[in-house]
Amino acid sequence: MSFKKMPSLTAATLLLALAVAPAAPQPARAAESLASCRAIGDATRRLACYDALAAAAANAPAAPPAATANAAPATPAVPEDPTARFGKEKLPRTEEQQAKDDAEQDEEMHSTVASAVALPYRLFAVTLANGQTWVSKEALTFDPKPGDEVRVMHGLFGSYSMVVGRSRPAKATRVS
């Protein structure tokens, strides 16, 4: 390679790099985008707005900031495990997600104990094999141990009852 062709090769490489690189957001526009996200009252929509801004900053394709204020979070493409949604109606979610979850709600769920943490007054935080964590609101008659069978059922007025191993049913709530 001769030295005469070097400047044109460097210029061509620079132009190619500029053509491929995404445009950087303007500082004033980024501040406006953050301010528009901060102004959103609904926590889920506000988080979706911030996530979209973070995705744009990481060079991922995202909607423009004005459109992200009204955008809903994307649903996963992978089918969800049926037991993963059990008790999910108590977790924060959008109205659309709530209607879908209510239509698909099961009457009871079976799993096994992955781990358990003792709380005062014989209450327990029980993590199940499917990743859910349930906290008993009433004392359990037996200490949960890893591998114990767990059955969680719908109760009255949106409550849940949890049976761990040989214990009697105790009121419980899902925390994650």
C-alpha atoms as a PDB file:
ATOM      1  CA  MET A   1       0.000   0.000   0.000  1.00  0.00           C
ATOM      2  CA  SER A   2       1.350   3.387  -0.910  1.00  0.00           C
ATOM      3  CA  PHE A   3       1.276   6.434   1.327  1.00  0.00           C
ATOM      4  CA  LYS A   4      -0.702   8.391  -1.301  1.00  0.00           C
ATOM      5  CA  LYS A   5      -3.794   6.179  -0.830  1.00  0.00           C
ATOM      6  CA  MET A   6      -3.618   6.340   2.977  1.00  0.00           C
ATOM      7  CA  PRO A   7      -5.535   9.647   3.452  1.00  0.00           C
ATOM      8  CA  SER A   8      -8.395   8.533   1.165  1.00  0.00           C
ATOM      9  CA  LEU A   9      -8.592   5.163   2.953  1.00  0.00           C
ATOM     10  CA  THR A  10      -8.689   6.910   6.341  1.00  0.00           C
ATOM     11  CA  ALA A  11     -11.376   9.305   5.115  1.00  0.00           C
ATOM     12  CA  ALA A  12     -13.457   6.424   3.709  1.00  0.00           C
ATOM     13  CA  THR A  13     -13.173   4.524   6.996  1.00  0.00           C
ATOM     14  CA  LEU A  14     -14.217   7.602   8.953  1.00  0.00           C
ATOM     15  CA  LEU A  15     -17.230   8.214   6.698  1.00  0.00           C
ATOM     16  CA  LEU A  16     -18.276   4.564   6.989  1.00  0.00           C
ATOM     17  CA  ALA A  17     -17.999   4.718  10.785  1.00  0.00           C
ATOM     18  CA  LEU A  18     -20.132   7.879  10.883  1.00  0.00           C
ATOM     19  CA  ALA A  19     -22.756   6.326   8.609  1.00  0.00           C
ATOM     20  CA  VAL A  20     -23.046   3.182  10.715  1.00  0.00           C
ATOM     21  CA  ALA A  21     -22.954   4.869  14.155  1.00  0.00           C
ATOM     22  CA  PRO A  22     -26.349   5.996  15.488  1.00  0.00           C
ATOM     23  CA  ALA A  23     -26.901   9.663  16.045  1.00  0.00           C
ATOM     24  CA  ALA A  24     -26.254  10.801  19.609  1.00  0.00           C
ATOM     25  CA  PRO A  25     -29.182  12.527  21.343  1.00  0.00           C
ATOM     26  CA  GLN A  26     -28.912  16.253  21.831  1.00  0.00           C
ATOM     27  CA  PRO A  27     -28.319  17.275  25.489  1.00  0.00           C
ATOM     28  CA  ALA A  28     -31.337  19.603  25.464  1.00  0.00           C
ATOM     29  CA  ARG A  29     -33.550  16.888  23.985  1.00  0.00           C
ATOM     30  CA  ALA A  30     -32.334  14.361  26.583  1.00  0.00           C
ATOM     31  CA  ALA A  31     -33.214  16.793  29.381  1.00  0.00           C
ATOM     32  CA  GLU A  32     -36.685  17.289  27.863  1.00  0.00           C
ATOM     33  CA  SER A  33     -37.141  13.513  27.639  1.00  0.00           C
ATOM     34  CA  LEU A  34     -36.192  13.037  31.279  1.00  0.00           C
ATOM     35  CA  ALA A  35     -38.522  15.850  32.306  1.00  0.00           C
ATOM     36  CA  SER A  36     -41.401  14.321  30.340  1.00  0.00           C
ATOM     37  CA  CYS A  37     -40.782  10.937  32.014  1.00  0.00           C
ATOM     38  CA  ARG A  38     -40.624  12.565  35.452  1.00  0.00           C
ATOM     39  CA  ALA A  39     -44.007  14.238  34.838  1.00  0.00           C
ATOM     40  CA  ILE A  40     -45.835  10.915  34.309  1.00  0.00           C
ATOM     41  CA  GLY A  41     -47.984  10.126  37.355  1.00  0.00           C
ATOM     42  CA  ASP A  42     -48.446   6.364  36.837  1.00  0.00           C
ATOM     43  CA  ALA A  43     -45.375   4.506  38.148  1.00  0.00           C
ATOM     44  CA  THR A  44     -45.546   1.730  35.535  1.00  0.00           C
ATOM     45  CA  ARG A  45     -45.755   4.163  32.633  1.00  0.00           C
ATOM     46  CA  ARG A  46     -43.014   6.345  34.153  1.00  0.00           C
ATOM     47  CA  LEU A  47     -40.720   3.310  34.459  1.00  0.00           C
ATOM     48  CA  ALA A  48     -41.499   2.316  30.864  1.00  0.00           C
ATOM     49  CA  CYS A  49     -40.546   5.827  29.750  1.00  0.00           C
ATOM     50  CA  TYR A  50     -37.219   5.664  31.629  1.00  0.00           C
ATOM     51  CA  ASP A  51     -36.549   2.156  30.268  1.00  0.00           C
ATOM     52  CA  ALA A  52     -37.121   3.400  26.729  1.00  0.00           C
ATOM     53  CA  LEU A  53     -34.657   6.246  27.285  1.00  0.00           C
ATOM     54  CA  ALA A  54     -32.088   3.798  28.662  1.00  0.00           C
ATOM     55  CA  ALA A  55     -32.595   1.493  25.661  1.00  0.00           C
ATOM     56  CA  ALA A  56     -32.080   4.422  23.285  1.00  0.00           C
ATOM     57  CA  ALA A  57     -28.883   5.357  25.118  1.00  0.00           C
ATOM     58  CA  ALA A  58     -27.634   1.761  24.767  1.00  0.00           C
ATOM     59  CA  ASN A  59     -28.163   1.935  20.967  1.00  0.00           C
ATOM     60  CA  ALA A  60     -31.207  -0.352  21.090  1.00  0.00           C
ATOM     61  CA  PRO A  61     -34.119   0.557  18.837  1.00  0.00           C
ATOM     62  CA  ALA A  62     -36.680   2.513  20.816  1.00  0.00           C
ATOM     63  CA  ALA A  63     -39.647   4.768  20.190  1.00  0.00           C
ATOM     64  CA  PRO A  64     -39.074   8.526  20.272  1.00  0.00           C
ATOM     65  CA  PRO A  65     -39.361  10.058  23.789  1.00  0.00           C
ATOM     66  CA  ALA A  66     -42.715  11.750  23.064  1.00  0.00           C
ATOM     67  CA  ALA A  67     -44.259   8.391  22.115  1.00  0.00           C
ATOM     68  CA  THR A  68     -42.730   6.496  25.042  1.00  0.00           C
ATOM     69  CA  ALA A  69     -44.741   8.517  27.550  1.00  0.00           C
ATOM     70  CA  ASN A  70     -47.852   6.626  26.441  1.00  0.00           C
ATOM     71  CA  ALA A  71     -46.157   3.303  25.633  1.00  0.00           C
ATOM     72  CA  ALA A  72     -46.909   0.189  27.669  1.00  0.00           C
ATOM     73  CA  PRO A  73     -44.122  -2.217  28.625  1.00  0.00           C
ATOM     74  CA  ALA A  74     -43.521  -4.992  26.110  1.00  0.00           C
ATOM     75  CA  THR A  75     -44.821  -8.465  26.906  1.00  0.00           C
ATOM     76  CA  PRO A  76     -42.325 -11.326  26.863  1.00  0.00           C
ATOM     77  CA  ALA A  77     -42.315 -13.507  23.740  1.00  0.00           C
ATOM     78  CA  VAL A  78     -41.667 -16.680  25.752  1.00  0.00           C
ATOM     79  CA  PRO A  79     -44.840 -18.365  27.055  1.00  0.00           C
ATOM     80  CA  GLU A  80     -45.181 -17.901  30.805  1.00  0.00           C
ATOM     81  CA  ASP A  81     -45.364 -20.851  33.193  1.00  0.00           C
ATOM     82  CA  PRO A  82     -49.015 -21.150  34.385  1.00  0.00           C
ATOM     83  CA  THR A  83     -47.966 -21.302  38.049  1.00  0.00           C
ATOM     84  CA  ALA A  84     -45.833 -18.163  37.656  1.00  0.00           C
ATOM     85  CA  ARG A  85     -48.929 -15.975  37.360  1.00  0.00           C
ATOM     86  CA  PHE A  86     -50.713 -17.452  40.400  1.00  0.00           C
ATOM     87  CA  GLY A  87     -51.212 -14.663  42.961  1.00  0.00           C
ATOM     88  CA  LYS A  88     -49.849 -12.101  40.516  1.00  0.00           C
ATOM     89  CA  GLU A  89     -53.008  -9.978  40.708  1.00  0.00           C
ATOM     90  CA  LYS A  90     -51.748  -8.500  43.988  1.00  0.00           C
ATOM     91  CA  LEU A  91     -48.519  -7.253  42.344  1.00  0.00           C
ATOM     92  CA  PRO A  92     -48.455  -3.834  40.610  1.00  0.00           C
ATOM     93  CA  ARG A  93     -49.417  -4.008  36.913  1.00  0.00           C
ATOM     94  CA  THR A  94     -51.271  -2.154  34.164  1.00  0.00           C
ATOM     95  CA  GLU A  95     -55.040  -2.411  33.663  1.00  0.00           C
ATOM     96  CA  GLU A  96     -54.485  -4.418  30.470  1.00  0.00           C
ATOM     97  CA  GLN A  97     -52.273  -6.928  32.298  1.00  0.00           C
ATOM     98  CA  GLN A  98     -54.819  -7.116  35.136  1.00  0.00           C
ATOM     99  CA  ALA A  99     -57.693  -7.983  32.778  1.00  0.00           C
ATOM    100  CA  LYS A 100     -55.599 -10.660  31.039  1.00  0.00           C
ATOM    101  CA  ASP A 101     -54.427 -12.182  34.335  1.00  0.00           C
ATOM    102  CA  ASP A 102     -57.954 -12.229  35.776  1.00  0.00           C
ATOM    103  CA  ALA A 103     -59.216 -14.127  32.734  1.00  0.00           C
ATOM    104  CA  GLU A 104     -56.454 -16.751  33.021  1.00  0.00           C
ATOM    105  CA  GLN A 105     -56.486 -17.167  36.817  1.00  0.00           C
ATOM    106  CA  ASP A 106     -56.218 -20.712  38.193  1.00  0.00           C
ATOM    107  CA  GLU A 107     -58.004 -21.807  41.379  1.00  0.00           C
ATOM    108  CA  GLU A 108     -54.951 -23.310  43.060  1.00  0.00           C
ATOM    109  CA  MET A 109     -51.240 -23.817  42.543  1.00  0.00           C
ATOM    110  CA  HIS A 110     -48.866 -26.634  43.541  1.00  0.00           C
ATOM    111  CA  SER A 111     -45.102 -26.324  44.004  1.00  0.00           C
ATOM    112  CA  THR A 112     -42.319 -27.250  46.412  1.00  0.00           C
ATOM    113  CA  VAL A 113     -40.350 -25.240  48.962  1.00  0.00           C
ATOM    114  CA  ALA A 114     -36.986 -24.011  47.669  1.00  0.00           C
ATOM    115  CA  SER A 115     -36.142 -22.126  50.880  1.00  0.00           C
ATOM    116  CA  ALA A 116     -37.884 -20.749  53.955  1.00  0.00           C
ATOM    117  CA  VAL A 117     -37.030 -17.942  56.375  1.00  0.00           C
ATOM    118  CA  ALA A 118     -38.498 -17.955  59.885  1.00  0.00           C
ATOM    119  CA  LEU A 119     -40.147 -14.713  60.962  1.00  0.00           C
ATOM    120  CA  PRO A 120     -41.440 -13.798  64.429  1.00  0.00           C
ATOM    121  CA  TYR A 121     -44.564 -15.543  65.768  1.00  0.00           C
ATOM    122  CA  ARG A 122     -44.048 -18.708  63.641  1.00  0.00           C
ATOM    123  CA  LEU A 123     -44.627 -16.818  60.408  1.00  0.00           C
ATOM    124  CA  PHE A 124     -42.494 -17.784  57.411  1.00  0.00           C
ATOM    125  CA  ALA A 125     -41.326 -16.312  54.127  1.00  0.00           C
ATOM    126  CA  VAL A 126     -41.403 -19.280  51.750  1.00  0.00           C
ATOM    127  CA  THR A 127     -39.650 -19.203  48.376  1.00  0.00           C
ATOM    128  CA  LEU A 128     -41.080 -21.797  46.000  1.00  0.00           C
ATOM    129  CA  ALA A 129     -39.346 -23.806  43.292  1.00  0.00           C
ATOM    130  CA  ASN A 130     -41.026 -21.609  40.644  1.00  0.00           C
ATOM    131  CA  GLY A 131     -39.369 -18.470  42.105  1.00  0.00           C
ATOM    132  CA  GLN A 132     -42.415 -17.004  43.855  1.00  0.00           C
ATOM    133  CA  THR A 133     -42.119 -15.836  47.456  1.00  0.00           C
ATOM    134  CA  TRP A 134     -45.111 -16.114  49.792  1.00  0.00           C
ATOM    135  CA  VAL A 135     -45.292 -14.828  53.386  1.00  0.00           C
ATOM    136  CA  SER A 136     -47.648 -16.485  55.841  1.00  0.00           C
ATOM    137  CA  LYS A 137     -49.983 -14.143  57.713  1.00  0.00           C
ATOM    138  CA  GLU A 138     -50.858 -16.850  60.245  1.00  0.00           C
ATOM    139  CA  ALA A 139     -48.614 -19.201  62.194  1.00  0.00           C
ATOM    140  CA  LEU A 140     -47.696 -22.456  60.471  1.00  0.00           C
ATOM    141  CA  THR A 141     -47.994 -25.646  62.520  1.00  0.00           C
ATOM    142  CA  PHE A 142     -44.849 -27.177  60.950  1.00  0.00           C
ATOM    143  CA  ASP A 143     -41.607 -25.519  59.866  1.00  0.00           C
ATOM    144  CA  PRO A 144     -41.310 -25.559  56.055  1.00  0.00           C
ATOM    145  CA  LYS A 145     -38.287 -27.452  54.756  1.00  0.00           C
ATOM    146  CA  PRO A 146     -36.845 -27.509  51.228  1.00  0.00           C
ATOM    147  CA  GLY A 147     -38.668 -30.103  49.151  1.00  0.00           C
ATOM    148  CA  ASP A 148     -41.953 -29.895  51.107  1.00  0.00           C
ATOM    149  CA  GLU A 149     -45.086 -29.801  48.980  1.00  0.00           C
ATOM    150  CA  VAL A 150     -46.886 -26.433  48.872  1.00  0.00           C
ATOM    151  CA  ARG A 151     -50.461 -25.770  47.819  1.00  0.00           C
ATOM    152  CA  VAL A 152     -51.749 -22.194  47.517  1.00  0.00           C
ATOM    153  CA  MET A 153     -55.498 -21.676  47.050  1.00  0.00           C
ATOM    154  CA  HIS A 154     -57.765 -18.708  46.462  1.00  0.00           C
ATOM    155  CA  GLY A 155     -59.696 -17.649  49.560  1.00  0.00           C
ATOM    156  CA  LEU A 156     -62.519 -15.218  50.132  1.00  0.00           C
ATOM    157  CA  PHE A 157     -62.314 -11.537  49.205  1.00  0.00           C
ATOM    158  CA  GLY A 158     -59.041 -11.878  47.286  1.00  0.00           C
ATOM    159  CA  SER A 159     -57.144 -13.684  50.050  1.00  0.00           C
ATOM    160  CA  TYR A 160     -54.966 -16.778  49.718  1.00  0.00           C
ATOM    161  CA  SER A 161     -54.436 -19.845  51.884  1.00  0.00           C
ATOM    162  CA  MET A 162     -51.158 -21.752  51.863  1.00  0.00           C
ATOM    163  CA  VAL A 163     -50.653 -25.354  52.973  1.00  0.00           C
ATOM    164  CA  VAL A 164     -47.018 -26.363  53.470  1.00  0.00           C
ATOM    165  CA  GLY A 165     -46.333 -30.044  53.976  1.00  0.00           C
ATOM    166  CA  ARG A 166     -48.586 -31.324  56.786  1.00  0.00           C
ATOM    167  CA  SER A 167     -49.483 -27.886  58.190  1.00  0.00           C
ATOM    168  CA  ARG A 168     -53.031 -26.601  58.382  1.00  0.00           C
ATOM    169  CA  PRO A 169     -54.042 -23.911  55.852  1.00  0.00           C
ATOM    170  CA  ALA A 170     -52.717 -20.454  56.789  1.00  0.00           C
ATOM    171  CA  LYS A 171     -53.476 -17.107  55.177  1.00  0.00           C
ATOM    172  CA  ALA A 172     -50.594 -15.937  52.976  1.00  0.00           C
ATOM    173  CA  THR A 173     -49.680 -13.157  50.583  1.00  0.00           C
ATOM    174  CA  ARG A 174     -47.393 -13.165  47.562  1.00  0.00           C
ATOM    175  CA  VAL A 175     -44.513 -10.690  47.767  1.00  0.00           C
ATOM    176  CA  SER A 176     -42.628 -11.592  44.571  1.00  0.00           C
END
